[in-house]
Amino acid sequence: MHFYVDPDKVAYRVTDKEAVLIQTDTSYYYGLNAVGTYIWEQLAEGRRTADELAVAVSEEFEQPRSAVEADVCALLADLKKEGLVGED
């Protein structure tokens, strides 16, 4: 399954390695830390699987893939639940 940013559902801005997201249907505001922002930027560039994102985070932050997989999946689940990303 691939995850992606739906520009019709979310407006966002990245500043100082932090992302601010607004879900356009609800006007709810969300903030992401540096790792979450990195994942968000990867999704904004194109569709990604959870595995692809875990590898990218592992390499970018020099952490073992096994140490980041669960966190990546949890963030994706949260983003999907809040309507900030789509999945196909």
C-alpha atoms as a PDB file:
ATOM      1  CA  MET A   1       0.000   0.000   0.000  1.00  0.00           C
ATOM      2  CA  HIS A   2       1.145   3.490  -0.833  1.00  0.00           C
ATOM      3  CA  PHE A   3       0.534   6.611   1.212  1.00  0.00           C
ATOM      4  CA  TYR A   4       0.241  10.081  -0.275  1.00  0.00           C
ATOM      5  CA  VAL A   5      -0.633  13.687   0.527  1.00  0.00           C
ATOM      6  CA  ASP A   6      -3.999  14.743  -0.893  1.00  0.00           C
ATOM      7  CA  PRO A   7      -3.640  18.488  -1.582  1.00  0.00           C
ATOM      8  CA  ASP A   8      -7.423  18.871  -1.517  1.00  0.00           C
ATOM      9  CA  LYS A   9      -7.547  17.620   2.097  1.00  0.00           C
ATOM     10  CA  VAL A  10      -4.563  19.337   3.700  1.00  0.00           C
ATOM     11  CA  ALA A  11      -2.662  22.601   3.558  1.00  0.00           C
ATOM     12  CA  TYR A  12       0.833  22.638   4.999  1.00  0.00           C
ATOM     13  CA  ARG A  13       3.991  24.634   5.475  1.00  0.00           C
ATOM     14  CA  VAL A  14       7.438  23.509   6.552  1.00  0.00           C
ATOM     15  CA  THR A  15       9.637  25.896   8.534  1.00  0.00           C
ATOM     16  CA  ASP A  16      12.753  25.181  10.566  1.00  0.00           C
ATOM     17  CA  LYS A  17      12.375  21.397  10.140  1.00  0.00           C
ATOM     18  CA  GLU A  18       8.855  21.443  11.560  1.00  0.00           C
ATOM     19  CA  ALA A  19       5.650  21.055   9.599  1.00  0.00           C
ATOM     20  CA  VAL A  20       2.328  22.707  10.283  1.00  0.00           C
ATOM     21  CA  LEU A  21      -0.656  20.904   8.745  1.00  0.00           C
ATOM     22  CA  ILE A  22      -4.272  22.020   8.487  1.00  0.00           C
ATOM     23  CA  GLN A  23      -6.940  19.484   7.590  1.00  0.00           C
ATOM     24  CA  THR A  24      -9.153  21.490   5.227  1.00  0.00           C
ATOM     25  CA  ASP A  25     -12.419  19.696   6.025  1.00  0.00           C
ATOM     26  CA  THR A  26     -12.169  20.238   9.783  1.00  0.00           C
ATOM     27  CA  SER A  27      -9.724  23.182  10.025  1.00  0.00           C
ATOM     28  CA  TYR A  28      -7.832  21.210  12.689  1.00  0.00           C
ATOM     29  CA  TYR A  29      -4.196  22.157  13.099  1.00  0.00           C
ATOM     30  CA  TYR A  30      -1.359  19.630  13.520  1.00  0.00           C
ATOM     31  CA  GLY A  31       2.363  19.982  14.120  1.00  0.00           C
ATOM     32  CA  LEU A  32       5.127  17.525  13.278  1.00  0.00           C
ATOM     33  CA  ASN A  33       8.595  17.251  14.762  1.00  0.00           C
ATOM     34  CA  ALA A  34      11.744  16.895  12.620  1.00  0.00           C
ATOM     35  CA  VAL A  35      11.277  13.178  11.904  1.00  0.00           C
ATOM     36  CA  GLY A  36       7.569  13.562  11.185  1.00  0.00           C
ATOM     37  CA  THR A  37       8.358  16.503   8.926  1.00  0.00           C
ATOM     38  CA  TYR A  38      10.925  14.438   7.029  1.00  0.00           C
ATOM     39  CA  ILE A  39       8.295  11.735   6.478  1.00  0.00           C
ATOM     40  CA  TRP A  40       5.750  14.359   5.430  1.00  0.00           C
ATOM     41  CA  GLU A  41       8.165  15.829   2.895  1.00  0.00           C
ATOM     42  CA  GLN A  42       8.767  12.365   1.444  1.00  0.00           C
ATOM     43  CA  LEU A  43       5.015  11.882   1.057  1.00  0.00           C
ATOM     44  CA  ALA A  44       4.597  15.333  -0.486  1.00  0.00           C
ATOM     45  CA  GLU A  45       7.115  14.357  -3.172  1.00  0.00           C
ATOM     46  CA  GLY A  46       5.130  11.277  -4.172  1.00  0.00           C
ATOM     47  CA  ARG A  47       3.481   8.044  -3.116  1.00  0.00           C
ATOM     48  CA  ARG A  48       5.525   5.959  -0.688  1.00  0.00           C
ATOM     49  CA  THR A  49       5.089   2.673   1.117  1.00  0.00           C
ATOM     50  CA  ALA A  50       5.696   2.338   4.843  1.00  0.00           C
ATOM     51  CA  ASP A  51       8.783   0.252   4.038  1.00  0.00           C
ATOM     52  CA  GLU A  52      10.193   2.927   1.728  1.00  0.00           C
ATOM     53  CA  LEU A  53       9.649   5.541   4.399  1.00  0.00           C
ATOM     54  CA  ALA A  54      11.266   3.407   7.105  1.00  0.00           C
ATOM     55  CA  VAL A  55      14.355   2.933   4.935  1.00  0.00           C
ATOM     56  CA  ALA A  56      14.529   6.672   4.179  1.00  0.00           C
ATOM     57  CA  VAL A  57      14.159   7.628   7.860  1.00  0.00           C
ATOM     58  CA  SER A  58      16.723   5.020   8.866  1.00  0.00           C
ATOM     59  CA  GLU A  59      19.259   6.428   6.427  1.00  0.00           C
ATOM     60  CA  GLU A  60      18.509  10.115   7.070  1.00  0.00           C
ATOM     61  CA  PHE A  61      18.658   9.847  10.866  1.00  0.00           C
ATOM     62  CA  GLU A  62      21.282   7.064  11.003  1.00  0.00           C
ATOM     63  CA  GLN A  63      19.115   4.680  12.982  1.00  0.00           C
ATOM     64  CA  PRO A  64      18.568   0.958  12.459  1.00  0.00           C
ATOM     65  CA  ARG A  65      15.531   0.278  10.323  1.00  0.00           C
ATOM     66  CA  SER A  66      14.146  -1.979  13.030  1.00  0.00           C
ATOM     67  CA  ALA A  67      14.224   0.973  15.434  1.00  0.00           C
ATOM     68  CA  VAL A  68      12.110   3.230  13.217  1.00  0.00           C
ATOM     69  CA  GLU A  69       9.605   0.892  11.536  1.00  0.00           C
ATOM     70  CA  ALA A  70       7.009   0.897  14.303  1.00  0.00           C
ATOM     71  CA  ASP A  71       7.171   4.686  14.686  1.00  0.00           C
ATOM     72  CA  VAL A  72       6.794   5.244  10.938  1.00  0.00           C
ATOM     73  CA  CYS A  73       3.770   2.934  10.832  1.00  0.00           C
ATOM     74  CA  ALA A  74       2.228   4.630  13.869  1.00  0.00           C
ATOM     75  CA  LEU A  75       2.640   8.087  12.338  1.00  0.00           C
ATOM     76  CA  LEU A  76       1.138   6.928   9.039  1.00  0.00           C
ATOM     77  CA  ALA A  77      -1.826   5.424  10.885  1.00  0.00           C
ATOM     78  CA  ASP A  78      -2.365   8.684  12.794  1.00  0.00           C
ATOM     79  CA  LEU A  79      -2.081  10.808   9.644  1.00  0.00           C
ATOM     80  CA  LYS A  80      -4.552   8.557   7.836  1.00  0.00           C
ATOM     81  CA  LYS A  81      -6.989   8.564  10.758  1.00  0.00           C
ATOM     82  CA  GLU A  82      -6.973  12.376  10.799  1.00  0.00           C
ATOM     83  CA  GLY A  83      -7.551  12.541   7.036  1.00  0.00           C
ATOM     84  CA  LEU A  84      -4.145  14.070   6.322  1.00  0.00           C
ATOM     85  CA  VAL A  85      -2.902  11.344   3.992  1.00  0.00           C
ATOM     86  CA  GLY A  86      -4.548   8.917   1.638  1.00  0.00           C
ATOM     87  CA  GLU A  87      -3.731   5.287   1.029  1.00  0.00           C
ATOM     88  CA  ASP A  88      -4.077   3.081  -2.029  1.00  0.00           C
END
